[in-house]
Structures are given as C-alpha cells and as structure tokens.
C-alpha cells in the first residue's frame, strides 16, 4: 500500500516536473522511501536544468540512493545547494558524492549532516573544496565522526 502510494506520487511528480523545466528550488524532504523511489525521481532531474536548490533530507536514501542521485545531478548545471542530511548515508555514498562535486560547477553548499559518514570519507569530501570554484561549505556534522560538528569551509586565504 505505502510503496504503491509513493510510486503513484513519484509518477505524478515526474509528470509535473516535465512542465516545470524552469523550477529553481525543490524541497522533497521526507517524501521518498529509500533508493528505489529516488531512482525514479533522479530520472526526472535532467528535465530540471534550472534547479538551484535541492533538499532531499530524511528520505532513507542510504548509499545506494545517493549513488543513483550522483549519476544524475550533473544534469542540473545550476545546482547551488544540495541537502541529503538524515538519509543513512555512509562511506560509499560520501565517496561517490566527493567524486562528482568537482563537476558540479555552481555548487556552493552541501549538507550531509546526521548520516553515518566516517571520518575518512568526510575528509575526502572536504578535500574537494579547492577543486570546486564556488563550493563554500560542506556540512558533515552529527555523523560517525570523532568531531561531531565537522563543517568544512573554503579557506579565505
């Protein structure tokens, strides 16, 4: 019942997104039920090239869902802010995100807080900041880290 309802919602959203190619901000926090649902949604991202802000917090994406999302966020060339907090994301999802961020040229803020990202993966994320001209902050706070408030900022040099 719940999965069918979410699938129906996703199909209706996909239909709506096709008409909303100029959409700039989208908050779908607490909307999906894991990686399968986000897979259908991520197929819609190429239809939203004007998207600047995408909030997908609290959707149980896990690593699998974030990896699927990373495969399509590059189509949103104007994406400035991505929030994938509280999704059960761990090391492999964080590493995949770190690999695509340098190609997200407009990205300014990334929120990966309240997940299960380990310290090594959080540091890998922080190391992409110099390779992303506009990226100012990556929030990895409240993860499985030695430093609970790990928020990485661009150096002001």
N, C-alpha and C. Protein backbone atom coordinates (compact mmCIF):
# COMPACT_ATOMS: atom_id res chain seq x y z
N UNK A 1 0.84 -1.20 0.00
CA UNK A 1 0.00 0.00 0.00
C UNK A 1 0.87 1.25 0.00
N UNK A 2 1.80 1.38 0.98
CA UNK A 2 2.65 2.56 1.09
C UNK A 2 3.54 2.75 -0.12
N UNK A 3 4.14 1.66 -0.60
CA UNK A 3 5.03 1.75 -1.76
C UNK A 3 4.24 2.14 -3.00
N UNK A 4 3.04 1.58 -3.17
CA UNK A 4 2.21 1.92 -4.33
C UNK A 4 1.82 3.40 -4.28
N UNK A 5 1.53 3.90 -3.09
CA UNK A 5 1.19 5.32 -2.94
C UNK A 5 2.36 6.19 -3.31
N UNK A 6 3.56 5.82 -2.84
CA UNK A 6 4.75 6.61 -3.17
C UNK A 6 5.07 6.53 -4.66
N UNK A 7 4.89 5.34 -5.25
CA UNK A 7 5.14 5.19 -6.68
C UNK A 7 4.18 6.08 -7.47
N UNK A 8 2.92 6.10 -7.07
CA UNK A 8 1.94 6.96 -7.72
C UNK A 8 2.33 8.43 -7.59
N UNK A 9 2.75 8.82 -6.40
CA UNK A 9 3.17 10.20 -6.16
C UNK A 9 4.36 10.56 -7.04
N UNK A 10 5.31 9.64 -7.14
CA UNK A 10 6.51 9.90 -7.96
C UNK A 10 6.13 10.06 -9.42
N UNK A 11 5.22 9.24 -9.92
CA UNK A 11 4.80 9.37 -11.33
C UNK A 11 4.09 10.71 -11.56
N UNK A 12 3.27 11.13 -10.60
CA UNK A 12 2.62 12.43 -10.74
C UNK A 12 3.63 13.56 -10.69
N UNK A 13 4.63 13.43 -9.80
CA UNK A 13 5.67 14.44 -9.72
C UNK A 13 6.45 14.50 -11.03
N UNK A 14 6.78 13.34 -11.59
CA UNK A 14 7.54 13.30 -12.84
C UNK A 14 6.77 14.01 -13.94
N UNK A 15 5.48 13.77 -14.00
CA UNK A 15 4.65 14.44 -14.99
C UNK A 15 4.66 15.96 -14.78
N UNK A 16 4.59 16.37 -13.53
CA UNK A 16 4.62 17.80 -13.22
C UNK A 16 5.98 18.41 -13.54
N UNK A 17 7.06 17.67 -13.25
CA UNK A 17 8.39 18.20 -13.48
C UNK A 17 8.65 18.47 -14.95
N UNK A 18 8.05 17.67 -15.80
CA UNK A 18 8.23 17.88 -17.23
C UNK A 18 7.70 19.25 -17.64
N UNK A 19 6.71 19.74 -16.91
CA UNK A 19 6.14 21.07 -17.21
C UNK A 19 6.87 22.17 -16.45
N UNK A 20 7.77 21.78 -15.56
CA UNK A 20 8.43 22.78 -14.71
C UNK A 20 9.93 22.83 -14.95
N UNK A 21 10.32 22.93 -16.20
CA UNK A 21 11.74 22.95 -16.54
C UNK A 21 12.45 24.17 -15.96
N UNK A 22 11.70 25.19 -15.57
CA UNK A 22 12.32 26.39 -15.02
C UNK A 22 12.29 26.40 -13.49
N UNK A 23 12.02 25.27 -12.88
CA UNK A 23 11.98 25.15 -11.42
C UNK A 23 13.35 25.48 -10.83
N UNK A 24 13.37 26.34 -9.79
CA UNK A 24 14.64 26.75 -9.18
C UNK A 24 14.90 26.10 -7.83
N UNK A 25 13.86 25.80 -7.07
CA UNK A 25 14.04 25.23 -5.74
C UNK A 25 13.04 24.11 -5.53
N UNK A 26 13.54 23.00 -4.95
CA UNK A 26 12.69 21.85 -4.74
C UNK A 26 13.01 21.21 -3.39
N UNK A 27 12.01 21.16 -2.53
CA UNK A 27 12.17 20.54 -1.22
C UNK A 27 11.31 19.28 -1.18
N UNK A 28 11.98 18.14 -1.27
CA UNK A 28 11.29 16.84 -1.21
C UNK A 28 11.76 16.06 0.02
N UNK A 29 12.08 16.77 1.08
CA UNK A 29 12.48 16.12 2.32
C UNK A 29 11.32 15.29 2.85
N UNK A 30 11.62 14.14 3.39
CA UNK A 30 10.63 13.21 3.97
C UNK A 30 9.54 12.83 2.98
N UNK A 31 9.91 12.62 1.72
CA UNK A 31 8.95 12.29 0.67
C UNK A 31 9.09 10.87 0.17
N UNK A 32 10.31 10.37 0.07
CA UNK A 32 10.56 9.08 -0.55
C UNK A 32 10.78 7.99 0.48
N UNK A 33 10.76 6.73 -0.01
CA UNK A 33 11.04 5.56 0.83
C UNK A 33 12.23 4.82 0.28
N UNK A 34 13.39 5.40 0.37
CA UNK A 34 14.61 4.70 0.00
C UNK A 34 15.05 4.85 -1.44
N UNK A 35 16.03 4.01 -1.78
CA UNK A 35 16.73 4.12 -3.05
C UNK A 35 15.83 3.90 -4.27
N UNK A 36 14.89 2.97 -4.20
CA UNK A 36 14.02 2.71 -5.35
C UNK A 36 13.23 3.95 -5.75
N UNK A 37 12.67 4.62 -4.76
CA UNK A 37 11.89 5.82 -5.05
C UNK A 37 12.75 6.92 -5.62
N UNK A 38 13.95 7.08 -5.06
CA UNK A 38 14.83 8.14 -5.55
C UNK A 38 15.34 7.84 -6.95
N UNK A 39 15.41 6.56 -7.29
CA UNK A 39 15.83 6.19 -8.64
C UNK A 39 14.84 6.74 -9.66
N UNK A 40 13.55 6.61 -9.38
CA UNK A 40 12.54 7.15 -10.30
C UNK A 40 12.61 8.68 -10.34
N UNK A 41 12.80 9.30 -9.17
CA UNK A 41 12.89 10.75 -9.12
C UNK A 41 14.14 11.24 -9.85
N UNK A 42 15.27 10.58 -9.64
CA UNK A 42 16.51 11.07 -10.24
C UNK A 42 16.44 11.04 -11.77
N UNK A 43 15.60 10.17 -12.32
CA UNK A 43 15.41 10.15 -13.77
C UNK A 43 14.78 11.45 -14.26
N UNK A 44 14.12 12.18 -13.36
CA UNK A 44 13.49 13.45 -13.72
C UNK A 44 14.46 14.63 -13.67
N UNK A 45 15.57 14.48 -12.98
CA UNK A 45 16.50 15.59 -12.81
C UNK A 45 16.98 16.21 -14.12
N UNK A 46 17.27 15.43 -15.15
CA UNK A 46 17.68 16.06 -16.41
C UNK A 46 16.60 16.98 -17.01
N UNK A 47 15.36 16.84 -16.54
CA UNK A 47 14.28 17.71 -17.01
C UNK A 47 14.25 19.04 -16.26
N UNK A 48 15.15 19.19 -15.27
CA UNK A 48 15.17 20.39 -14.43
C UNK A 48 16.53 21.08 -14.49
N UNK A 49 16.94 21.54 -15.65
CA UNK A 49 18.27 22.14 -15.75
C UNK A 49 18.42 23.46 -14.98
N UNK A 50 17.32 24.10 -14.63
CA UNK A 50 17.38 25.37 -13.90
C UNK A 50 17.37 25.19 -12.39
N UNK A 51 17.30 23.96 -11.92
CA UNK A 51 17.23 23.70 -10.49
C UNK A 51 18.48 24.22 -9.79
N UNK A 52 18.29 25.02 -8.73
CA UNK A 52 19.39 25.60 -7.98
C UNK A 52 19.50 25.04 -6.57
N UNK A 53 18.37 24.66 -5.96
CA UNK A 53 18.35 24.17 -4.58
C UNK A 53 17.55 22.88 -4.55
N UNK A 54 18.19 21.82 -4.01
CA UNK A 54 17.52 20.52 -3.92
C UNK A 54 17.68 19.98 -2.50
N UNK A 55 16.55 19.84 -1.81
CA UNK A 55 16.54 19.29 -0.45
C UNK A 55 15.90 17.91 -0.48
N UNK A 56 16.69 16.90 -0.12
CA UNK A 56 16.22 15.52 -0.09
C UNK A 56 16.48 14.88 1.27
N UNK A 57 16.45 15.67 2.33
CA UNK A 57 16.73 15.16 3.67
C UNK A 57 15.64 14.17 4.11
N UNK A 58 16.03 13.25 4.96
CA UNK A 58 15.12 12.31 5.62
C UNK A 58 14.30 11.47 4.64
N UNK A 59 14.98 10.87 3.67
CA UNK A 59 14.31 10.02 2.70
C UNK A 59 14.83 8.58 2.68
N UNK A 60 15.65 8.20 3.65
CA UNK A 60 16.22 6.85 3.72
C UNK A 60 16.93 6.46 2.43
N UNK A 61 17.66 7.42 1.84
CA UNK A 61 18.36 7.15 0.58
C UNK A 61 19.43 6.09 0.74
N UNK A 62 20.17 6.16 1.84
CA UNK A 62 21.30 5.26 2.02
C UNK A 62 22.35 5.52 0.96
N UNK A 63 23.39 4.70 0.97
CA UNK A 63 24.46 4.84 -0.03
C UNK A 63 23.93 4.60 -1.44
N UNK A 64 23.09 3.58 -1.58
CA UNK A 64 22.57 3.22 -2.91
C UNK A 64 21.80 4.38 -3.53
N UNK A 65 20.95 5.03 -2.76
CA UNK A 65 20.17 6.14 -3.28
C UNK A 65 21.03 7.34 -3.64
N UNK A 66 22.03 7.64 -2.80
CA UNK A 66 22.91 8.77 -3.11
C UNK A 66 23.75 8.49 -4.34
N UNK A 67 24.20 7.26 -4.48
CA UNK A 67 24.98 6.90 -5.67
C UNK A 67 24.12 7.06 -6.92
N UNK A 68 22.86 6.64 -6.87
CA UNK A 68 21.95 6.85 -8.01
C UNK A 68 21.76 8.33 -8.29
N UNK A 69 21.57 9.11 -7.24
CA UNK A 69 21.38 10.55 -7.39
C UNK A 69 22.61 11.21 -8.00
N UNK A 70 23.79 10.79 -7.56
CA UNK A 70 25.04 11.38 -8.08
C UNK A 70 25.17 11.17 -9.58
N UNK A 71 24.59 10.11 -10.08
CA UNK A 71 24.65 9.85 -11.52
C UNK A 71 23.84 10.83 -12.35
N UNK A 72 22.93 11.57 -11.70
CA UNK A 72 22.07 12.47 -12.47
C UNK A 72 22.16 13.94 -12.07
N UNK A 73 22.74 14.26 -10.91
CA UNK A 73 22.75 15.68 -10.51
C UNK A 73 23.60 16.55 -11.43
N UNK A 74 24.48 15.94 -12.19
CA UNK A 74 25.29 16.72 -13.11
C UNK A 74 24.43 17.39 -14.20
N UNK A 75 23.24 16.86 -14.43
CA UNK A 75 22.33 17.46 -15.41
C UNK A 75 21.79 18.80 -14.93
N UNK A 76 21.82 19.01 -13.62
CA UNK A 76 21.35 20.27 -13.03
C UNK A 76 22.56 21.20 -12.93
N UNK A 77 22.91 21.81 -14.04
CA UNK A 77 24.15 22.58 -14.11
C UNK A 77 24.16 23.82 -13.23
N UNK A 78 22.99 24.28 -12.79
CA UNK A 78 22.93 25.46 -11.93
C UNK A 78 22.74 25.12 -10.46
N UNK A 79 22.84 23.83 -10.09
CA UNK A 79 22.60 23.42 -8.71
C UNK A 79 23.63 24.05 -7.78
N UNK A 80 23.13 24.87 -6.82
CA UNK A 80 23.97 25.58 -5.86
C UNK A 80 23.95 24.93 -4.49
N UNK A 81 22.85 24.25 -4.15
CA UNK A 81 22.71 23.70 -2.80
C UNK A 81 22.08 22.32 -2.87
N UNK A 82 22.70 21.38 -2.15
CA UNK A 82 22.20 20.02 -2.07
C UNK A 82 22.15 19.61 -0.61
N UNK A 83 20.98 19.17 -0.15
CA UNK A 83 20.82 18.70 1.22
C UNK A 83 20.39 17.24 1.18
N UNK A 84 21.29 16.36 1.63
CA UNK A 84 20.99 14.94 1.73
C UNK A 84 21.18 14.46 3.17
N UNK A 85 20.88 15.34 4.12
CA UNK A 85 21.01 15.01 5.54
C UNK A 85 20.00 13.97 5.98
N UNK A 86 20.33 13.25 7.03
CA UNK A 86 19.43 12.27 7.67
C UNK A 86 18.93 11.22 6.69
N UNK A 87 19.84 10.60 5.98
CA UNK A 87 19.47 9.60 4.99
C UNK A 87 20.18 8.27 5.15
N UNK A 88 20.92 8.07 6.23
CA UNK A 88 21.63 6.82 6.41
C UNK A 88 22.79 6.65 5.43
N UNK A 89 23.35 7.74 4.97
CA UNK A 89 24.46 7.70 4.01
C UNK A 89 25.76 7.38 4.75
N UNK A 90 26.52 6.46 4.19
CA UNK A 90 27.80 6.07 4.78
C UNK A 90 28.97 6.39 3.88
N UNK A 91 30.02 5.60 4.03
CA UNK A 91 31.28 5.87 3.33
C UNK A 91 31.15 5.83 1.81
N UNK A 92 30.51 4.80 1.25
CA UNK A 92 30.48 4.69 -0.21
C UNK A 92 29.66 5.81 -0.85
N UNK A 93 28.56 6.21 -0.22
CA UNK A 93 27.79 7.33 -0.75
C UNK A 93 28.57 8.63 -0.68
N UNK A 94 29.26 8.86 0.43
CA UNK A 94 30.05 10.08 0.58
C UNK A 94 31.19 10.13 -0.43
N UNK A 95 31.82 8.98 -0.66
CA UNK A 95 32.92 8.93 -1.63
C UNK A 95 32.42 9.21 -3.05
N UNK A 96 31.24 8.70 -3.38
CA UNK A 96 30.68 8.97 -4.70
C UNK A 96 30.36 10.45 -4.84
N UNK A 97 29.78 11.04 -3.80
CA UNK A 97 29.48 12.48 -3.82
C UNK A 97 30.76 13.27 -4.01
N UNK A 98 31.82 12.88 -3.30
CA UNK A 98 33.11 13.57 -3.44
C UNK A 98 33.63 13.48 -4.88
N UNK A 99 33.35 12.39 -5.55
CA UNK A 99 33.84 12.23 -6.92
C UNK A 99 33.08 13.09 -7.93
N UNK A 100 31.81 13.41 -7.66
CA UNK A 100 31.05 14.21 -8.63
C UNK A 100 31.06 15.71 -8.33
N UNK A 101 31.31 16.09 -7.09
CA UNK A 101 31.25 17.52 -6.74
C UNK A 101 32.15 18.41 -7.60
N UNK A 102 33.36 17.99 -7.94
CA UNK A 102 34.19 18.87 -8.78
C UNK A 102 33.58 19.17 -10.15
N UNK A 103 32.62 18.37 -10.58
CA UNK A 103 31.95 18.62 -11.87
C UNK A 103 30.63 19.37 -11.70
N UNK A 104 30.27 19.67 -10.46
CA UNK A 104 29.07 20.48 -10.17
C UNK A 104 29.55 21.93 -10.00
N UNK A 105 29.75 22.61 -11.11
CA UNK A 105 30.45 23.88 -11.12
C UNK A 105 29.76 25.01 -10.36
N UNK A 106 28.46 24.95 -10.19
CA UNK A 106 27.75 26.03 -9.49
C UNK A 106 27.56 25.74 -8.00
N UNK A 107 27.89 24.53 -7.56
CA UNK A 107 27.62 24.11 -6.18
C UNK A 107 28.32 25.01 -5.16
N UNK A 108 27.53 25.49 -4.18
CA UNK A 108 28.05 26.35 -3.12
C UNK A 108 27.95 25.71 -1.74
N UNK A 109 26.89 24.95 -1.51
CA UNK A 109 26.66 24.37 -0.17
C UNK A 109 26.16 22.93 -0.31
N UNK A 110 26.77 22.04 0.50
CA UNK A 110 26.36 20.64 0.53
C UNK A 110 26.15 20.25 1.99
N UNK A 111 25.00 19.67 2.26
CA UNK A 111 24.64 19.25 3.61
C UNK A 111 24.53 17.73 3.66
N UNK A 112 25.42 17.10 4.41
CA UNK A 112 25.46 15.65 4.56
C UNK A 112 25.37 15.32 6.06
N UNK A 113 24.75 16.19 6.81
CA UNK A 113 24.69 16.04 8.26
C UNK A 113 23.75 14.92 8.68
N UNK A 114 23.94 14.44 9.91
CA UNK A 114 23.07 13.42 10.51
C UNK A 114 22.99 12.14 9.70
N UNK A 115 24.12 11.68 9.19
CA UNK A 115 24.21 10.41 8.48
C UNK A 115 25.17 9.49 9.23
N UNK A 116 25.77 8.54 8.56
CA UNK A 116 26.74 7.65 9.19
C UNK A 116 28.08 7.69 8.46
N UNK A 117 28.42 8.86 7.96
CA UNK A 117 29.68 9.08 7.24
C UNK A 117 30.83 8.99 8.23
N UNK A 118 31.85 8.19 7.89
CA UNK A 118 33.01 8.07 8.77
C UNK A 118 33.98 9.22 8.54
N UNK A 119 34.97 9.33 9.41
CA UNK A 119 35.90 10.44 9.36
C UNK A 119 36.69 10.48 8.05
N UNK A 120 37.16 9.33 7.59
CA UNK A 120 37.94 9.28 6.35
C UNK A 120 37.12 9.78 5.16
N UNK A 121 35.86 9.39 5.09
CA UNK A 121 35.00 9.82 3.98
C UNK A 121 34.66 11.30 4.08
N UNK A 122 34.46 11.79 5.31
CA UNK A 122 34.19 13.22 5.50
C UNK A 122 35.41 14.04 5.07
N UNK A 123 36.59 13.56 5.41
CA UNK A 123 37.81 14.27 4.99
C UNK A 123 37.97 14.24 3.48
N UNK A 124 37.58 13.12 2.86
CA UNK A 124 37.63 13.03 1.39
C UNK A 124 36.68 14.06 0.78
N UNK A 125 35.51 14.21 1.36
CA UNK A 125 34.58 15.25 0.91
C UNK A 125 35.20 16.63 1.05
N UNK A 126 35.83 16.89 2.19
CA UNK A 126 36.41 18.22 2.43
C UNK A 126 37.53 18.54 1.45
N UNK A 127 38.21 17.52 0.97
CA UNK A 127 39.34 17.74 0.07
C UNK A 127 38.93 18.17 -1.34
N UNK A 128 37.63 18.09 -1.66
CA UNK A 128 37.20 18.53 -3.00
C UNK A 128 36.96 20.04 -3.04
N UNK A 129 36.87 20.68 -1.90
CA UNK A 129 36.55 22.11 -1.86
C UNK A 129 37.49 22.94 -2.75
N UNK A 130 38.80 22.74 -2.69
CA UNK A 130 39.68 23.55 -3.56
C UNK A 130 39.45 23.34 -5.06
N UNK A 131 38.84 22.22 -5.43
CA UNK A 131 38.61 21.91 -6.84
C UNK A 131 37.24 22.36 -7.33
N UNK A 132 36.48 22.96 -6.44
CA UNK A 132 35.13 23.43 -6.77
C UNK A 132 35.12 24.94 -6.56
N UNK A 133 35.11 25.68 -7.63
CA UNK A 133 35.33 27.13 -7.53
C UNK A 133 34.33 27.85 -6.64
N UNK A 134 33.09 27.43 -6.59
CA UNK A 134 32.07 28.13 -5.80
C UNK A 134 31.72 27.45 -4.49
N UNK A 135 32.20 26.23 -4.28
CA UNK A 135 31.82 25.47 -3.08
C UNK A 135 32.42 26.12 -1.85
N UNK A 136 31.54 26.56 -0.94
CA UNK A 136 31.97 27.28 0.25
C UNK A 136 31.88 26.44 1.51
N UNK A 137 30.93 25.50 1.58
CA UNK A 137 30.74 24.73 2.81
C UNK A 137 30.21 23.33 2.52
N UNK A 138 30.75 22.36 3.27
CA UNK A 138 30.23 21.00 3.29
C UNK A 138 29.97 20.69 4.76
N UNK A 139 28.71 20.49 5.09
CA UNK A 139 28.31 20.24 6.47
C UNK A 139 28.22 18.73 6.70
N UNK A 140 29.18 18.20 7.46
CA UNK A 140 29.20 16.78 7.81
C UNK A 140 28.96 16.61 9.31
N UNK A 141 28.28 17.55 9.92
CA UNK A 141 28.06 17.48 11.36
C UNK A 141 27.14 16.32 11.73
N UNK A 142 27.31 15.86 12.96
CA UNK A 142 26.48 14.78 13.53
C UNK A 142 26.51 13.50 12.72
N UNK A 143 27.70 13.11 12.29
CA UNK A 143 27.92 11.82 11.63
C UNK A 143 28.72 10.93 12.57
N UNK A 144 29.23 9.84 12.06
CA UNK A 144 30.04 8.91 12.86
C UNK A 144 31.48 9.39 12.92
N UNK A 145 31.67 10.63 13.33
CA UNK A 145 32.99 11.24 13.28
C UNK A 145 33.55 11.47 14.68
N UNK A 146 34.86 11.61 14.73
CA UNK A 146 35.50 11.94 16.00
C UNK A 146 35.14 13.36 16.43
N UNK A 147 34.87 14.21 15.45
CA UNK A 147 34.49 15.60 15.71
C UNK A 147 33.03 15.75 15.30
N UNK A 148 32.09 15.82 16.26
CA UNK A 148 30.66 15.80 15.91
C UNK A 148 30.20 17.01 15.10
N UNK A 149 30.86 18.14 15.22
CA UNK A 149 30.43 19.34 14.49
C UNK A 149 31.35 19.61 13.31
N UNK A 150 31.61 18.61 12.48
CA UNK A 150 32.53 18.73 11.36
C UNK A 150 31.84 19.46 10.20
N UNK A 151 32.16 20.72 10.09
CA UNK A 151 31.67 21.55 8.99
C UNK A 151 32.90 22.11 8.30
N UNK A 152 33.04 21.83 7.02
CA UNK A 152 34.23 22.24 6.28
C UNK A 152 33.92 23.47 5.44
N UNK A 153 34.79 24.47 5.56
CA UNK A 153 34.62 25.74 4.85
C UNK A 153 35.77 25.97 3.90
N UNK A 154 35.50 26.74 2.86
CA UNK A 154 36.57 27.16 1.95
C UNK A 154 37.49 28.09 2.72
N UNK A 155 38.76 27.89 2.57
CA UNK A 155 39.75 28.76 3.21
C UNK A 155 39.65 30.16 2.62
N UNK A 156 39.72 31.19 3.48
CA UNK A 156 39.60 32.56 2.99
C UNK A 156 40.94 33.11 2.50
N UNK A 157 42.01 32.40 2.71
CA UNK A 157 43.37 32.75 2.27
C UNK A 157 43.61 34.22 2.41
